[in-house]
Each structure stands twice: as structure tokens, then as C-alpha cells.
Amino acid sequence: MTETALADALNPETRAFWLHVGTALICGGLIGIERQLRGKAAGIRTSILICLGTALFVTLGSSLPSNQTDPTRVLAQVVSGIGFLGGGVILAREGLITGVTSAAVIWVLAALGAMIGFGHLRATLVLTLITLGILLGVELLEGVFRRLRQGATDRELAS
């Protein structure tokens, strides 16, 4: 993005600001709804805040004069910080590890926020839909595989 576009993305009186905020709300909200409906640790509020916060940090880091900052350093710090947040949702219970998908979703939300911060709004919307497709579609496939496996066990027991 140009310096003018970045300045606009941080000015609440501009369309660019509201497009960035709106994209973060929509993308974080859609993924958050899916997580909330499944009763997962990172629900709607958390997902929106991760997406919005990352977008703000990246936009702010990119808006500073290039002789004073390097946007990739800001991005690197976001990535390491979000890893800490994602690690907080992974738990070990009775020998089972849970929360890995929630941690991965947090990672993706930060990536989506970074894309918003760099001004890639359309790609962010498309990748949000792909993420939802993965979360919902793989669940359906897992159900099919469980039923197929159960059917094979039932056939063996009937013999």
C-alpha cells in the first residue's frame, strides 16, 4: 500500500479505515461463529479481536516512515506473539491433546489480520471462506470416515 493509503487506513474519517475494520469484523466474526457454535475456546469475540488487533499492528507498523521501521519486523513479532496465545489453548487431558485446531485457527486469524493490515482485503475474504470450508468440510469427511469404520466393525461382529 502507498503511504497515503496507509494513512487513510488509520483515519476513521476515511472509507479505507472502515473497509479494513469491517473486513476484520466480518472475517473474524465468521470464523468465530463457527468456533463458538462448536463450544471452542476462541469464540466470536476472541476471533474478531485477534483479526482486528493484528490488522491494526500491521497497518500501524507499515504506516511509519520506512527509514524508521521495517514492517516485516512488526509482522514477525505478531507471529511470535500469536504463537504464545495459540499455545494457551492447547491442553493435555487424560493422555489426549486438545485445542490444536483452535491454536491453528488463531494462527490463521492472525494471518488474515496481517493481510488486512497490508491492504489485501479481497484475498482475506476469499481465504476466510476457504478456512470455513476446511473447518466445516473436514468435519463432514471425518463423520463419513467414522460411519464407514463403524460399519466395517459392525460387519465383522455380525460374522
Protein backbone atom coordinates (compact mmCIF):
# COMPACT_ATOMS: atom_id res chain seq x y z
CA MET A 1 0.00 0.00 0.00
CA THR A 2 1.12 3.57 -0.60
CA GLU A 3 1.81 5.97 2.26
CA THR A 4 -1.45 7.79 1.51
CA ALA A 5 -3.44 4.54 1.57
CA LEU A 6 -1.83 3.54 4.86
CA ALA A 7 -2.61 6.94 6.38
CA ASP A 8 -6.22 6.54 5.21
CA ALA A 9 -6.40 3.07 6.76
CA LEU A 10 -5.66 4.68 10.15
CA ASN A 11 -8.03 7.63 9.74
CA PRO A 12 -11.60 6.93 10.96
CA GLU A 13 -12.88 9.64 8.64
CA THR A 14 -11.96 7.63 5.53
CA ARG A 15 -13.61 4.80 3.68
CA ALA A 16 -10.36 2.77 3.80
CA PHE A 17 -10.40 2.75 7.61
CA TRP A 18 -13.91 1.34 7.73
CA LEU A 19 -13.20 -1.18 4.97
CA HIS A 20 -10.27 -2.52 7.00
CA VAL A 21 -12.24 -2.59 10.24
CA GLY A 22 -15.29 -4.10 8.53
CA THR A 23 -13.21 -6.80 6.84
CA ALA A 24 -11.63 -7.73 10.19
CA LEU A 25 -15.07 -7.85 11.84
CA ILE A 26 -16.57 -10.00 9.09
CA CYS A 27 -13.65 -12.41 8.74
CA GLY A 28 -13.01 -12.77 12.47
CA GLY A 29 -16.74 -12.94 13.15
CA LEU A 30 -17.49 -15.67 10.60
CA ILE A 31 -14.70 -17.90 11.84
CA GLY A 32 -15.60 -17.02 15.44
CA ILE A 33 -19.22 -18.07 14.91
CA GLU A 34 -18.07 -21.48 13.67
CA ARG A 35 -15.81 -21.86 16.72
CA GLN A 36 -18.48 -20.57 19.13
CA LEU A 37 -21.11 -23.00 17.81
CA ARG A 38 -18.69 -25.86 18.49
CA GLY A 39 -18.02 -24.60 22.01
CA LYS A 40 -14.33 -23.99 21.35
CA ALA A 41 -12.01 -21.80 23.42
CA ALA A 42 -11.62 -19.00 20.87
CA GLY A 43 -15.14 -17.87 20.01
CA ILE A 44 -16.61 -14.83 18.31
CA ARG A 45 -15.11 -12.07 20.46
CA THR A 46 -11.66 -13.63 20.58
CA SER A 47 -11.60 -14.27 16.83
CA ILE A 48 -12.66 -10.74 15.96
CA LEU A 49 -10.15 -9.22 18.37
CA ILE A 50 -7.27 -11.34 17.03
CA CYS A 51 -8.09 -10.40 13.43
CA LEU A 52 -8.66 -6.71 14.23
CA GLY A 53 -5.65 -6.40 16.54
CA THR A 54 -3.29 -7.97 14.03
CA ALA A 55 -4.64 -5.71 11.27
CA LEU A 56 -4.05 -2.67 13.47
CA PHE A 57 -0.49 -3.63 14.41
CA VAL A 58 0.48 -4.39 10.81
CA THR A 59 -1.14 -1.23 9.45
CA LEU A 60 0.49 0.87 12.13
CA GLY A 61 3.90 -0.74 11.55
CA SER A 62 3.58 -0.23 7.81
CA SER A 63 2.49 3.40 8.16
CA LEU A 64 5.64 4.60 9.89
CA PRO A 65 8.34 6.12 7.70
CA SER A 66 10.41 3.36 6.08
CA ASN A 67 13.66 4.80 7.43
CA GLN A 68 12.32 4.32 10.99
CA THR A 69 10.72 0.90 10.80
CA ASP A 70 10.58 -2.39 8.93
CA PRO A 71 7.02 -3.78 8.53
CA THR A 72 8.40 -7.33 8.38
CA ARG A 73 9.74 -6.94 11.92
CA VAL A 74 6.28 -5.95 13.14
CA LEU A 75 4.84 -8.96 11.33
CA ALA A 76 7.48 -11.26 12.86
CA GLN A 77 6.60 -10.06 16.36
CA VAL A 78 2.90 -10.61 15.69
CA VAL A 79 3.63 -14.16 14.55
CA SER A 80 5.65 -14.99 17.66
CA GLY A 81 3.12 -13.32 19.95
CA ILE A 82 0.17 -15.12 18.40
CA GLY A 83 2.03 -18.41 18.84
CA PHE A 84 2.03 -17.75 22.57
CA LEU A 85 -1.72 -17.09 22.51
CA GLY A 86 -2.36 -20.22 20.44
CA GLY A 87 -0.23 -22.29 22.78
CA GLY A 88 -2.51 -21.25 25.62
CA VAL A 89 -5.48 -23.12 24.15
CA ILE A 90 -3.62 -26.44 23.76
CA LEU A 91 -4.27 -28.72 26.72
CA ALA A 92 -3.40 -32.27 27.74
CA ARG A 93 -6.25 -34.13 29.43
CA GLU A 94 -6.20 -37.78 30.38
CA GLY A 95 -3.49 -38.52 27.82
CA LEU A 96 -5.23 -36.65 24.99
CA ILE A 97 -4.07 -33.41 23.45
CA THR A 98 -6.89 -30.94 22.73
CA GLY A 99 -7.05 -27.46 21.29
CA VAL A 100 -4.63 -27.93 18.41
CA THR A 101 -7.24 -26.93 15.83
CA SER A 102 -8.18 -23.88 17.92
CA ALA A 103 -4.50 -22.92 18.05
CA ALA A 104 -4.26 -23.31 14.27
CA VAL A 105 -7.37 -21.17 13.83
CA ILE A 106 -5.79 -18.45 15.98
CA TRP A 107 -2.72 -18.64 13.74
CA VAL A 108 -4.88 -18.26 10.62
CA LEU A 109 -6.85 -15.37 12.17
CA ALA A 110 -3.59 -13.51 12.74
CA ALA A 111 -2.55 -14.17 9.14
CA LEU A 112 -5.90 -12.84 7.93
CA GLY A 113 -5.47 -9.76 10.11
CA ALA A 114 -1.98 -9.23 8.68
CA MET A 115 -3.38 -9.44 5.16
CA ILE A 116 -5.97 -6.81 6.08
CA GLY A 117 -3.23 -4.65 7.56
CA PHE A 118 -1.29 -4.81 4.29
CA GLY A 119 -4.47 -3.98 2.34
CA HIS A 120 -5.28 -7.36 0.75
CA LEU A 121 -8.99 -7.23 1.61
CA ARG A 122 -10.44 -9.35 -1.20
CA ALA A 123 -7.88 -12.12 -0.72
CA THR A 124 -8.65 -12.05 3.01
CA LEU A 125 -12.36 -12.60 2.34
CA VAL A 126 -11.61 -15.50 -0.03
CA LEU A 127 -9.21 -17.11 2.45
CA THR A 128 -11.78 -16.72 5.23
CA LEU A 129 -14.25 -18.72 3.14
CA ILE A 130 -11.58 -21.34 2.43
CA THR A 131 -10.83 -21.57 6.16
CA LEU A 132 -14.53 -22.06 6.92
CA GLY A 133 -14.70 -24.68 4.19
CA ILE A 134 -11.84 -26.56 5.81
CA LEU A 135 -13.33 -26.33 9.30
CA LEU A 136 -16.79 -27.45 8.15
CA GLY A 137 -15.83 -29.75 5.27
CA VAL A 138 -13.23 -31.80 7.09
CA GLU A 139 -15.69 -32.32 9.94
CA LEU A 140 -18.15 -33.81 7.43
CA LEU A 141 -15.43 -36.07 5.99
CA GLU A 142 -14.43 -37.22 9.47
CA GLY A 143 -18.07 -38.15 10.14
CA VAL A 144 -18.21 -40.17 6.93
CA PHE A 145 -15.00 -41.99 7.84
CA ARG A 146 -16.31 -42.73 11.36
CA ARG A 147 -19.51 -44.19 9.91
CA LEU A 148 -17.58 -46.27 7.39
CA ARG A 149 -15.25 -47.57 10.10
CA GLN A 150 -18.22 -48.30 12.38
CA GLY A 151 -19.96 -50.11 9.53
CA ALA A 152 -16.91 -52.33 9.00
CA THR A 153 -16.78 -53.15 12.71
CA ASP A 154 -20.48 -53.98 12.73
CA ARG A 155 -19.99 -56.30 9.72
CA GLU A 156 -17.12 -58.09 11.46
CA LEU A 157 -19.16 -58.58 14.62
CA ALA A 158 -22.12 -59.93 12.65
CA SER A 159 -19.96 -62.63 11.01
